[in-house]
Amino acid sequence: MNPPVLPPALDLIGTAVFALTGALLAARLQQTFVTMAFFALVTGVGGGSLRDMLLGVPAFWLHSPWAAPVIFATALVAWFTPTRWWENELLEWADAAGLAAFAVLGTAKALAFGVAPAPAAVLGVVTGCAGGVVRDVIAGVPSIIMRPEIYVTAAALSAVLTVLGALGGLPDAATWALAWVAGFAARGAAIRWKLALPAYREGRR
């Protein structure tokens, strides 16, 4: 019997949100449309592809008739909209939405394929963070996970709540919605108030 899978629309939503962050970063760097579309692609499918590789299943976007068009359309939106729409912290807010979405999706898909709760949560964190890391590395900018403010912790919150909801027998839709809101809120609070975890200090007792 084949393992259950998530509704494809959920992966598309997460892909679109993260693709937008890639396209917006390329726009901020004043790149061509080809580069913008490439950034949208690698950011949009990076986390999900790593998740599926670790699960030993085909990457979700390779067999989807909608993934590539959605990514291309997202790049077009970023290309044809005024730059002022994407100024200030909007890129980080879009990234926060994608982070929480893919953390939830990565965890939920891992659970659906029979992964134990703790490793499923870890895979959710990896799924949520991988796309943003690939985006930043290719762009040659400091990776967002190396900043002091809360980021990975927000993904972990979404992942853990997804696991807890599944273990508690809560409806999937309610669990995923709550987990996404919690992760997005945690990352949003970090953006708004520069919240950060304590950094390591040499000689700390």
N, C-alpha and C. Protein backbone atom coordinates (compact mmCIF):
# COMPACT_ATOMS: atom_id res chain seq x y z
N MET A 1 0.85 -1.19 0.00
CA MET A 1 0.00 0.00 0.00
C MET A 1 0.89 1.25 0.00
N ASN A 2 0.57 2.21 -0.84
CA ASN A 2 1.34 3.45 -0.90
C ASN A 2 1.06 4.32 0.31
N PRO A 3 2.05 5.02 0.82
CA PRO A 3 1.82 5.91 1.95
C PRO A 3 0.89 7.06 1.55
N PRO A 4 0.12 7.60 2.50
CA PRO A 4 -0.73 8.73 2.17
C PRO A 4 0.11 9.96 1.87
N VAL A 5 -0.43 10.82 1.05
CA VAL A 5 0.28 12.05 0.70
C VAL A 5 -0.60 13.25 0.99
N LEU A 6 0.01 14.40 1.08
CA LEU A 6 -0.72 15.63 1.34
C LEU A 6 -1.40 16.12 0.06
N PRO A 7 -2.45 16.92 0.21
CA PRO A 7 -3.06 17.53 -0.97
C PRO A 7 -2.03 18.36 -1.74
N PRO A 8 -1.90 18.15 -3.05
CA PRO A 8 -0.89 18.88 -3.83
C PRO A 8 -1.00 20.39 -3.70
N ALA A 9 -2.22 20.90 -3.48
CA ALA A 9 -2.41 22.35 -3.38
C ALA A 9 -1.61 22.95 -2.24
N LEU A 10 -1.40 22.19 -1.16
CA LEU A 10 -0.65 22.71 -0.03
C LEU A 10 0.82 22.93 -0.40
N ASP A 11 1.39 21.97 -1.12
CA ASP A 11 2.77 22.16 -1.58
C ASP A 11 2.87 23.35 -2.52
N LEU A 12 1.85 23.55 -3.37
CA LEU A 12 1.88 24.67 -4.31
C LEU A 12 1.84 26.01 -3.58
N ILE A 13 1.04 26.09 -2.53
CA ILE A 13 0.95 27.33 -1.77
C ILE A 13 2.29 27.66 -1.12
N GLY A 14 2.90 26.66 -0.47
CA GLY A 14 4.20 26.88 0.13
C GLY A 14 5.25 27.24 -0.89
N THR A 15 5.19 26.57 -2.04
CA THR A 15 6.13 26.85 -3.13
C THR A 15 5.99 28.28 -3.62
N ALA A 16 4.76 28.73 -3.81
CA ALA A 16 4.51 30.08 -4.33
C ALA A 16 5.03 31.14 -3.36
N VAL A 17 4.79 30.94 -2.07
CA VAL A 17 5.22 31.93 -1.08
C VAL A 17 6.74 32.03 -1.05
N PHE A 18 7.41 30.89 -1.03
CA PHE A 18 8.87 30.92 -0.99
C PHE A 18 9.45 31.39 -2.32
N ALA A 19 8.82 31.02 -3.43
CA ALA A 19 9.28 31.50 -4.74
C ALA A 19 9.25 33.02 -4.79
N LEU A 20 8.23 33.60 -4.17
CA LEU A 20 8.13 35.06 -4.14
C LEU A 20 9.32 35.68 -3.42
N THR A 21 9.77 35.05 -2.33
CA THR A 21 10.91 35.61 -1.61
C THR A 21 12.17 35.56 -2.47
N GLY A 22 12.33 34.50 -3.24
CA GLY A 22 13.48 34.41 -4.13
C GLY A 22 13.43 35.46 -5.22
N ALA A 23 12.25 35.63 -5.82
CA ALA A 23 12.10 36.63 -6.88
C ALA A 23 12.31 38.04 -6.34
N LEU A 24 11.83 38.31 -5.14
CA LEU A 24 11.97 39.65 -4.56
C LEU A 24 13.42 39.96 -4.22
N LEU A 25 14.17 38.95 -3.78
CA LEU A 25 15.58 39.18 -3.50
C LEU A 25 16.33 39.51 -4.79
N ALA A 26 16.02 38.79 -5.87
CA ALA A 26 16.65 39.09 -7.16
C ALA A 26 16.27 40.49 -7.63
N ALA A 27 15.02 40.89 -7.38
CA ALA A 27 14.59 42.24 -7.75
C ALA A 27 15.35 43.29 -6.94
N ARG A 28 15.54 43.02 -5.66
CA ARG A 28 16.28 43.95 -4.80
C ARG A 28 17.72 44.09 -5.28
N LEU A 29 18.27 43.01 -5.85
CA LEU A 29 19.63 43.04 -6.37
C LEU A 29 19.68 43.52 -7.81
N GLN A 30 18.52 43.93 -8.36
CA GLN A 30 18.41 44.49 -9.71
C GLN A 30 18.92 43.52 -10.77
N GLN A 31 18.44 42.28 -10.70
CA GLN A 31 18.83 41.26 -11.64
C GLN A 31 17.86 41.19 -12.82
N THR A 32 18.20 40.39 -13.83
CA THR A 32 17.33 40.21 -15.00
C THR A 32 16.15 39.32 -14.64
N PHE A 33 15.19 39.26 -15.56
CA PHE A 33 14.04 38.40 -15.30
C PHE A 33 14.44 36.93 -15.25
N VAL A 34 15.40 36.54 -16.10
CA VAL A 34 15.86 35.14 -16.08
C VAL A 34 16.41 34.79 -14.71
N THR A 35 17.24 35.67 -14.16
CA THR A 35 17.78 35.44 -12.82
C THR A 35 16.67 35.42 -11.78
N MET A 36 15.71 36.31 -11.94
CA MET A 36 14.60 36.37 -10.99
C MET A 36 13.81 35.06 -11.01
N ALA A 37 13.56 34.53 -12.22
CA ALA A 37 12.82 33.27 -12.33
C ALA A 37 13.63 32.12 -11.73
N PHE A 38 14.95 32.15 -11.94
CA PHE A 38 15.80 31.10 -11.37
C PHE A 38 15.78 31.14 -9.85
N PHE A 39 15.88 32.34 -9.29
CA PHE A 39 15.82 32.48 -7.83
C PHE A 39 14.47 31.99 -7.30
N ALA A 40 13.40 32.31 -8.01
CA ALA A 40 12.08 31.84 -7.60
C ALA A 40 12.02 30.32 -7.61
N LEU A 41 12.64 29.70 -8.63
CA LEU A 41 12.62 28.25 -8.75
C LEU A 41 13.38 27.58 -7.61
N VAL A 42 14.65 27.96 -7.42
CA VAL A 42 15.47 27.25 -6.42
C VAL A 42 14.96 27.51 -5.00
N THR A 43 14.39 28.71 -4.78
CA THR A 43 13.86 28.99 -3.45
C THR A 43 12.54 28.28 -3.23
N GLY A 44 11.71 28.26 -4.27
CA GLY A 44 10.39 27.65 -4.14
C GLY A 44 10.42 26.15 -3.96
N VAL A 45 11.35 25.46 -4.62
CA VAL A 45 11.36 24.00 -4.56
C VAL A 45 12.50 23.44 -3.70
N GLY A 46 13.40 24.32 -3.21
CA GLY A 46 14.56 23.84 -2.48
C GLY A 46 14.22 23.01 -1.25
N GLY A 47 13.38 23.56 -0.38
CA GLY A 47 13.04 22.85 0.84
C GLY A 47 12.23 21.59 0.58
N GLY A 48 11.25 21.67 -0.30
CA GLY A 48 10.43 20.51 -0.61
C GLY A 48 11.21 19.41 -1.30
N SER A 49 12.17 19.80 -2.16
CA SER A 49 12.99 18.80 -2.85
C SER A 49 13.87 18.05 -1.86
N LEU A 50 14.48 18.78 -0.92
CA LEU A 50 15.31 18.14 0.10
C LEU A 50 14.48 17.21 0.96
N ARG A 51 13.30 17.66 1.33
CA ARG A 51 12.38 16.83 2.11
C ARG A 51 12.08 15.52 1.39
N ASP A 52 11.71 15.61 0.12
CA ASP A 52 11.34 14.41 -0.63
C ASP A 52 12.54 13.49 -0.86
N MET A 53 13.72 14.08 -1.05
CA MET A 53 14.92 13.27 -1.21
C MET A 53 15.19 12.45 0.05
N LEU A 54 15.06 13.09 1.21
CA LEU A 54 15.28 12.38 2.47
C LEU A 54 14.21 11.34 2.73
N LEU A 55 13.00 11.56 2.22
CA LEU A 55 11.92 10.59 2.37
C LEU A 55 12.02 9.46 1.35
N GLY A 56 12.90 9.64 0.35
CA GLY A 56 13.07 8.61 -0.67
C GLY A 56 11.94 8.56 -1.68
N VAL A 57 11.33 9.72 -1.96
CA VAL A 57 10.25 9.78 -2.94
C VAL A 57 10.61 10.82 -4.00
N PRO A 58 9.98 10.76 -5.19
CA PRO A 58 10.28 11.75 -6.23
C PRO A 58 9.95 13.16 -5.74
N ALA A 59 10.77 14.12 -6.13
CA ALA A 59 10.53 15.52 -5.76
C ALA A 59 9.13 15.94 -6.22
N PHE A 60 8.39 16.57 -5.34
CA PHE A 60 6.98 16.86 -5.58
C PHE A 60 6.73 17.63 -6.86
N TRP A 61 7.65 18.52 -7.25
CA TRP A 61 7.39 19.40 -8.38
C TRP A 61 7.69 18.75 -9.73
N LEU A 62 8.39 17.61 -9.73
CA LEU A 62 8.73 16.96 -11.00
C LEU A 62 7.51 16.36 -11.69
N HIS A 63 6.51 15.99 -10.92
CA HIS A 63 5.32 15.37 -11.49
C HIS A 63 4.09 16.25 -11.35
N SER A 64 4.31 17.50 -11.01
CA SER A 64 3.19 18.42 -10.86
C SER A 64 3.05 19.28 -12.12
N PRO A 65 1.86 19.33 -12.72
CA PRO A 65 1.68 20.19 -13.89
C PRO A 65 1.60 21.67 -13.53
N TRP A 66 1.51 21.97 -12.22
CA TRP A 66 1.28 23.34 -11.79
C TRP A 66 2.48 24.01 -11.15
N ALA A 67 3.42 23.25 -10.62
CA ALA A 67 4.51 23.84 -9.86
C ALA A 67 5.32 24.85 -10.68
N ALA A 68 5.80 24.43 -11.84
CA ALA A 68 6.61 25.33 -12.67
C ALA A 68 5.81 26.56 -13.12
N PRO A 69 4.56 26.42 -13.60
CA PRO A 69 3.79 27.61 -13.96
C PRO A 69 3.56 28.56 -12.79
N VAL A 70 3.32 28.01 -11.60
CA VAL A 70 3.11 28.85 -10.42
C VAL A 70 4.37 29.64 -10.10
N ILE A 71 5.52 28.98 -10.18
CA ILE A 71 6.79 29.66 -9.92
C ILE A 71 7.04 30.75 -10.95
N PHE A 72 6.81 30.44 -12.23
CA PHE A 72 7.00 31.42 -13.29
C PHE A 72 6.05 32.60 -13.11
N ALA A 73 4.80 32.33 -12.77
CA ALA A 73 3.82 33.40 -12.55
C ALA A 73 4.23 34.28 -11.37
N THR A 74 4.77 33.67 -10.33
CA THR A 74 5.24 34.43 -9.18
C THR A 74 6.37 35.38 -9.57
N ALA A 75 7.29 34.87 -10.40
CA ALA A 75 8.39 35.71 -10.87
C ALA A 75 7.84 36.88 -11.71
N LEU A 76 6.82 36.61 -12.51
CA LEU A 76 6.21 37.67 -13.32
C LEU A 76 5.57 38.74 -12.44
N VAL A 77 4.92 38.31 -11.37
CA VAL A 77 4.31 39.26 -10.44
C VAL A 77 5.37 40.18 -9.86
N ALA A 78 6.49 39.59 -9.41
CA ALA A 78 7.57 40.41 -8.85
C ALA A 78 8.18 41.33 -9.91
N TRP A 79 8.26 40.87 -11.14
CA TRP A 79 8.89 41.65 -12.22
C TRP A 79 8.05 42.85 -12.62
N PHE A 80 6.73 42.68 -12.67
CA PHE A 80 5.86 43.73 -13.21
C PHE A 80 5.22 44.63 -12.15
N THR A 81 5.49 44.37 -10.89
CA THR A 81 4.91 45.23 -9.85
C THR A 81 5.93 46.29 -9.44
N PRO A 82 5.46 47.44 -8.97
CA PRO A 82 6.37 48.52 -8.59
C PRO A 82 7.31 48.12 -7.46
N THR A 83 8.52 48.61 -7.52
CA THR A 83 9.52 48.30 -6.51
C THR A 83 9.06 48.73 -5.11
N ARG A 84 8.32 49.83 -5.05
CA ARG A 84 7.90 50.34 -3.74
C ARG A 84 7.00 49.36 -2.99
N TRP A 85 6.33 48.45 -3.74
CA TRP A 85 5.50 47.46 -3.08
C TRP A 85 6.33 46.51 -2.21
N TRP A 86 7.58 46.32 -2.57
CA TRP A 86 8.39 45.31 -1.91
C TRP A 86 9.49 45.91 -1.04
N GLU A 87 9.36 47.19 -0.71
CA GLU A 87 10.38 47.83 0.11
C GLU A 87 10.18 47.51 1.59
N ASN A 88 11.10 48.02 2.38
CA ASN A 88 11.07 47.83 3.83
C ASN A 88 11.23 46.35 4.18
N GLU A 89 10.35 45.80 5.03
CA GLU A 89 10.55 44.45 5.54
C GLU A 89 9.66 43.42 4.85
N LEU A 90 9.06 43.75 3.72
CA LEU A 90 8.10 42.84 3.10
C LEU A 90 8.75 41.52 2.70
N LEU A 91 10.00 41.56 2.23
CA LEU A 91 10.69 40.32 1.87
C LEU A 91 10.81 39.40 3.08
N GLU A 92 11.13 39.96 4.22
CA GLU A 92 11.26 39.14 5.42
C GLU A 92 9.92 38.59 5.87
N TRP A 93 8.84 39.37 5.71
CA TRP A 93 7.51 38.87 6.07
C TRP A 93 7.07 37.75 5.14
N ALA A 94 7.37 37.89 3.86
CA ALA A 94 7.05 36.81 2.92
C ALA A 94 7.85 35.56 3.26
N ASP A 95 9.11 35.75 3.61
CA ASP A 95 9.95 34.62 4.00
C ASP A 95 9.40 33.96 5.26
N ALA A 96 8.89 34.76 6.19
CA ALA A 96 8.31 34.20 7.42
C ALA A 96 7.11 33.32 7.11
N ALA A 97 6.27 33.76 6.17
CA ALA A 97 5.11 32.96 5.78
C ALA A 97 5.54 31.65 5.13
N GLY A 98 6.55 31.71 4.26
CA GLY A 98 7.05 30.50 3.63
C GLY A 98 7.74 29.56 4.61
N LEU A 99 8.49 30.14 5.53
CA LEU A 99 9.17 29.34 6.55
C LEU A 99 8.18 28.50 7.35
N ALA A 100 7.14 29.15 7.86
CA ALA A 100 6.15 28.43 8.66
C ALA A 100 5.39 27.42 7.82
N ALA A 101 5.05 27.79 6.58
CA ALA A 101 4.29 26.88 5.72
C ALA A 101 5.07 25.62 5.42
N PHE A 102 6.33 25.75 5.02
CA PHE A 102 7.11 24.57 4.67
C PHE A 102 7.50 23.76 5.90
N ALA A 103 7.65 24.40 7.06
CA ALA A 103 7.91 23.64 8.29
C ALA A 103 6.72 22.74 8.61
N VAL A 104 5.52 23.27 8.45
CA VAL A 104 4.31 22.47 8.68
C VAL A 104 4.20 21.37 7.63
N LEU A 105 4.38 21.73 6.37
CA LEU A 105 4.23 20.75 5.29
C LEU A 105 5.28 19.65 5.38
N GLY A 106 6.51 20.05 5.68
CA GLY A 106 7.57 19.05 5.79
C GLY A 106 7.29 18.06 6.90
N THR A 107 6.85 18.55 8.04
CA THR A 107 6.53 17.68 9.17
C THR A 107 5.34 16.79 8.86
N ALA A 108 4.29 17.37 8.30
CA ALA A 108 3.08 16.61 8.01
C ALA A 108 3.34 15.51 6.98
N LYS A 109 4.14 15.82 5.96
CA LYS A 109 4.43 14.80 4.94
C LYS A 109 5.30 13.69 5.52
N ALA A 110 6.26 14.06 6.37
CA ALA A 110 7.08 13.04 7.02
C ALA A 110 6.23 12.11 7.87
N LEU A 111 5.31 12.66 8.63
CA LEU A 111 4.40 11.84 9.44
C LEU A 111 3.54 10.95 8.56
N ALA A 112 3.08 11.48 7.43
CA ALA A 112 2.24 10.71 6.52
C ALA A 112 2.99 9.52 5.93
N PHE A 113 4.31 9.65 5.82
CA PHE A 113 5.13 8.56 5.29
C PHE A 113 5.71 7.67 6.39
N GLY A 114 5.18 7.80 7.60
CA GLY A 114 5.55 6.89 8.67
C GLY A 114 6.81 7.25 9.43
N VAL A 115 7.33 8.46 9.27
CA VAL A 115 8.51 8.88 10.03
C VAL A 115 8.10 9.11 11.49
N ALA A 116 8.96 8.73 12.41
CA ALA A 116 8.67 8.92 13.83
C ALA A 116 8.54 10.40 14.16
N PRO A 117 7.80 10.75 15.23
CA PRO A 117 7.51 12.16 15.53
C PRO A 117 8.72 13.08 15.62
N ALA A 118 9.76 12.69 16.38
CA ALA A 118 10.91 13.59 16.54
C ALA A 118 11.65 13.82 15.22
N PRO A 119 12.00 12.76 14.48
CA PRO A 119 12.64 12.99 13.17
C PRO A 119 11.74 13.75 12.20
N ALA A 120 10.43 13.55 12.30
CA ALA A 120 9.50 14.28 11.43
C ALA A 120 9.58 15.77 11.70
N ALA A 121 9.66 16.14 12.98
CA ALA A 121 9.79 17.56 13.32
C ALA A 121 11.10 18.13 12.81
N VAL A 122 12.18 17.36 12.93
CA VAL A 122 13.48 17.82 12.43
C VAL A 122 13.41 18.03 10.92
N LEU A 123 12.78 17.09 10.21
CA LEU A 123 12.64 17.22 8.77
C LEU A 123 11.80 18.45 8.41
N GLY A 124 10.81 18.76 9.23
CA GLY A 124 10.01 19.96 9.01
C GLY A 124 10.85 21.22 9.11
N VAL A 125 11.74 21.26 10.10
CA VAL A 125 12.62 22.42 10.26
C VAL A 125 13.55 22.54 9.06
N VAL A 126 14.13 21.42 8.64
CA VAL A 126 15.02 21.43 7.47
C VAL A 126 14.27 21.90 6.23
N THR A 127 13.05 21.41 6.05
CA THR A 127 12.25 21.80 4.90
C THR A 127 11.97 23.30 4.90
N GLY A 128 11.66 23.83 6.08
CA GLY A 128 11.34 25.24 6.16
C GLY A 128 12.53 26.15 5.92
N CYS A 129 13.71 25.71 6.32
CA CYS A 129 14.89 26.58 6.25
C CYS A 129 15.70 26.42 4.97
N ALA A 130 15.62 25.26 4.32
CA ALA A 130 16.53 24.97 3.21
C ALA A 130 16.39 25.93 2.04
N GLY A 131 15.14 26.24 1.66
CA GLY A 131 14.94 27.12 0.51
C GLY A 131 15.56 28.49 0.72
N GLY A 132 15.39 29.05 1.92
CA GLY A 132 15.96 30.35 2.22
C GLY A 132 17.47 30.34 2.25
N VAL A 133 18.05 29.23 2.75
CA VAL A 133 19.51 29.12 2.79
C VAL A 133 20.07 29.07 1.37
N VAL A 134 19.46 28.25 0.50
CA VAL A 134 19.91 28.16 -0.89
C VAL A 134 19.81 29.51 -1.57
N ARG A 135 18.72 30.20 -1.35
CA ARG A 135 18.52 31.54 -1.93
C ARG A 135 19.62 32.49 -1.52
N ASP A 136 19.92 32.53 -0.23
CA ASP A 136 20.92 33.49 0.26
C ASP A 136 22.32 33.13 -0.20
N VAL A 137 22.63 31.84 -0.24
CA VAL A 137 23.97 31.42 -0.68
C VAL A 137 24.20 31.81 -2.13
N ILE A 138 23.22 31.53 -2.99
CA ILE A 138 23.37 31.86 -4.41
C ILE A 138 23.47 33.37 -4.61
N ALA A 139 22.72 34.12 -3.80
CA ALA A 139 22.74 35.58 -3.92
C ALA A 139 24.02 36.19 -3.35
N GLY A 140 24.77 35.41 -2.60
CA GLY A 140 26.00 35.93 -2.00
C GLY A 140 25.75 36.88 -0.84
N VAL A 141 24.62 36.68 -0.15
CA VAL A 141 24.31 37.51 1.01
C VAL A 141 24.38 36.63 2.26
N PRO A 142 24.59 37.22 3.44
CA PRO A 142 24.64 36.41 4.66
C PRO A 142 23.37 35.59 4.84
N SER A 143 23.53 34.31 5.11
CA SER A 143 22.37 33.43 5.28
C SER A 143 21.50 33.91 6.42
N ILE A 144 20.21 33.83 6.21
CA ILE A 144 19.28 34.32 7.23
C ILE A 144 19.37 33.51 8.51
N ILE A 145 19.79 32.24 8.42
CA ILE A 145 19.88 31.44 9.64
C ILE A 145 21.08 31.82 10.51
N MET A 146 21.99 32.64 9.95
CA MET A 146 23.15 33.08 10.72
C MET A 146 22.90 34.38 11.47
N ARG A 147 21.72 34.95 11.27
CA ARG A 147 21.40 36.17 12.00
C ARG A 147 20.99 35.81 13.43
N PRO A 148 21.14 36.74 14.36
CA PRO A 148 20.84 36.41 15.75
C PRO A 148 19.35 36.29 16.06
N GLU A 149 18.49 36.95 15.27
CA GLU A 149 17.08 36.92 15.64
C GLU A 149 16.45 35.57 15.37
N ILE A 150 15.31 35.33 15.99
CA ILE A 150 14.64 34.03 15.92
C ILE A 150 14.26 33.70 14.48
N TYR A 151 14.67 32.53 14.01
CA TYR A 151 14.32 32.04 12.67
C TYR A 151 14.09 30.53 12.71
N VAL A 152 15.15 29.78 12.96
CA VAL A 152 15.02 28.33 13.05
C VAL A 152 14.05 27.95 14.17
N THR A 153 14.07 28.71 15.25
CA THR A 153 13.16 28.45 16.37
C THR A 153 11.70 28.56 15.94
N ALA A 154 11.40 29.52 15.06
CA ALA A 154 10.03 29.66 14.57
C ALA A 154 9.62 28.45 13.75
N ALA A 155 10.53 27.95 12.92
CA ALA A 155 10.24 26.74 12.15
C ALA A 155 10.04 25.55 13.08
N ALA A 156 10.86 25.48 14.12
CA ALA A 156 10.74 24.38 15.09
C ALA A 156 9.40 24.43 15.81
N LEU A 157 8.92 25.63 16.12
CA LEU A 157 7.63 25.77 16.78
C LEU A 157 6.52 25.21 15.89
N SER A 158 6.52 25.59 14.62
CA SER A 158 5.52 25.07 13.69
C SER A 158 5.60 23.55 13.57
N ALA A 159 6.83 23.03 13.49
CA ALA A 159 7.02 21.59 13.33
C ALA A 159 6.53 20.82 14.56
N VAL A 160 6.89 21.30 15.73
CA VAL A 160 6.50 20.61 16.98
C VAL A 160 4.99 20.64 17.15
N LEU A 161 4.35 21.77 16.87
CA LEU A 161 2.90 21.84 16.99
C LEU A 161 2.20 20.92 15.99
N THR A 162 2.78 20.76 14.82
CA THR A 162 2.22 19.83 13.84
C THR A 162 2.28 18.40 14.37
N VAL A 163 3.40 18.04 14.98
CA VAL A 163 3.54 16.71 15.57
C VAL A 163 2.57 16.52 16.72
N LEU A 164 2.48 17.51 17.60
CA LEU A 164 1.60 17.39 18.76
C LEU A 164 0.14 17.27 18.34
N GLY A 165 -0.26 18.04 17.34
CA GLY A 165 -1.63 17.94 16.85
C GLY A 165 -1.93 16.57 16.28
N ALA A 166 -0.97 16.00 15.55
CA ALA A 166 -1.16 14.66 14.99
C ALA A 166 -1.24 13.62 16.09
N LEU A 167 -0.35 13.72 17.08
CA LEU A 167 -0.38 12.76 18.19
C LEU A 167 -1.66 12.89 19.01
N GLY A 168 -2.18 14.11 19.09
CA GLY A 168 -3.41 14.33 19.86
C GLY A 168 -4.68 14.02 19.10
N GLY A 169 -4.54 13.62 17.85
CA GLY A 169 -5.71 13.26 17.05
C GLY A 169 -6.55 14.43 16.59
N LEU A 170 -5.97 15.64 16.57
CA LEU A 170 -6.72 16.80 16.10
C LEU A 170 -6.89 16.76 14.59
N PRO A 171 -7.92 17.41 14.07
CA PRO A 171 -8.11 17.45 12.61
C PRO A 171 -6.89 18.08 11.93
N ASP A 172 -6.52 17.53 10.79
CA ASP A 172 -5.33 18.02 10.10
C ASP A 172 -5.41 19.51 9.79
N ALA A 173 -6.54 19.94 9.26
CA ALA A 173 -6.67 21.35 8.85
C ALA A 173 -6.46 22.28 10.04
N ALA A 174 -7.05 21.95 11.18
CA ALA A 174 -6.91 22.79 12.37
C ALA A 174 -5.47 22.78 12.88
N THR A 175 -4.87 21.60 12.88
CA THR A 175 -3.48 21.47 13.34
C THR A 175 -2.54 22.29 12.47
N TRP A 176 -2.66 22.13 11.16
CA TRP A 176 -1.76 22.83 10.25
C TRP A 176 -1.95 24.34 10.32
N ALA A 177 -3.21 24.77 10.44
CA ALA A 177 -3.47 26.21 10.52
C ALA A 177 -2.87 26.80 11.80
N LEU A 178 -3.09 26.13 12.91
CA LEU A 178 -2.56 26.61 14.19
C LEU A 178 -1.04 26.64 14.18
N ALA A 179 -0.44 25.56 13.65
CA ALA A 179 1.02 25.47 13.60
C ALA A 179 1.60 26.56 12.71
N TRP A 180 0.95 26.82 11.58
CA TRP A 180 1.44 27.88 10.69
C TRP A 180 1.35 29.25 11.35
N VAL A 181 0.20 29.53 11.97
CA VAL A 181 0.01 30.83 12.63
C VAL A 181 1.05 31.02 13.73
N ALA A 182 1.31 29.98 14.50
CA ALA A 182 2.27 30.10 15.61
C ALA A 182 3.67 30.38 15.08
N GLY A 183 4.10 29.64 14.07
CA GLY A 183 5.43 29.86 13.51
C GLY A 183 5.57 31.22 12.86
N PHE A 184 4.55 31.62 12.11
CA PHE A 184 4.56 32.92 11.45
C PHE A 184 4.58 34.04 12.48
N ALA A 185 3.79 33.88 13.56
CA ALA A 185 3.75 34.90 14.61
C ALA A 185 5.10 35.01 15.32
N ALA A 186 5.73 33.88 15.58
CA ALA A 186 7.03 33.90 16.25
C ALA A 186 8.07 34.61 15.39
N ARG A 187 8.10 34.27 14.12
CA ARG A 187 9.06 34.92 13.22
C ARG A 187 8.69 36.39 13.03
N GLY A 188 7.39 36.69 12.94
CA GLY A 188 6.95 38.07 12.80
C GLY A 188 7.33 38.92 14.00
N ALA A 189 7.22 38.35 15.20
CA ALA A 189 7.62 39.07 16.40
C ALA A 189 9.11 39.37 16.38
N ALA A 190 9.89 38.40 15.86
CA ALA A 190 11.34 38.61 15.77
C ALA A 190 11.66 39.73 14.78
N ILE A 191 10.91 39.79 13.69
CA ILE A 191 11.12 40.85 12.70
C ILE A 191 10.74 42.21 13.30
N ARG A 192 9.60 42.22 13.96
CA ARG A 192 9.07 43.49 14.46
C ARG A 192 9.88 44.04 15.62
N TRP A 193 10.27 43.18 16.55
CA TRP A 193 10.93 43.65 17.77
C TRP A 193 12.37 43.16 17.89
N LYS A 194 12.92 42.58 16.83
CA LYS A 194 14.31 42.12 16.81
C LYS A 194 14.60 41.14 17.95
N LEU A 195 13.67 40.22 18.17
CA LEU A 195 13.86 39.23 19.23
C LEU A 195 14.93 38.23 18.82
N ALA A 196 15.74 37.83 19.75
CA ALA A 196 16.83 36.90 19.45
C ALA A 196 17.10 36.01 20.66
N LEU A 197 17.63 34.81 20.38
CA LEU A 197 18.07 33.93 21.44
C LEU A 197 19.47 34.37 21.91
N PRO A 198 19.84 34.06 23.13
CA PRO A 198 21.18 34.45 23.61
C PRO A 198 22.26 33.80 22.76
N ALA A 199 23.28 34.54 22.41
CA ALA A 199 24.40 34.02 21.63
C ALA A 199 25.46 33.44 22.55
N TYR A 200 26.23 32.49 22.03
CA TYR A 200 27.30 31.90 22.82
C TYR A 200 28.37 32.92 23.11
N ARG A 201 28.89 32.89 24.35
CA ARG A 201 29.99 33.78 24.74
C ARG A 201 31.10 32.93 25.34
N GLU A 202 32.33 33.13 24.87
CA GLU A 202 33.47 32.39 25.37
C GLU A 202 33.65 32.68 26.85
N GLY A 203 33.85 31.61 27.63
CA GLY A 203 34.10 31.79 29.05
C GLY A 203 32.84 31.89 29.88
N ARG A 204 31.66 31.76 29.25
CA ARG A 204 30.41 31.84 30.03
C ARG A 204 30.33 30.65 30.98
N ARG A 205 29.95 30.94 32.19
CA ARG A 205 29.84 29.88 33.19
C ARG A 205 28.36 29.50 33.35
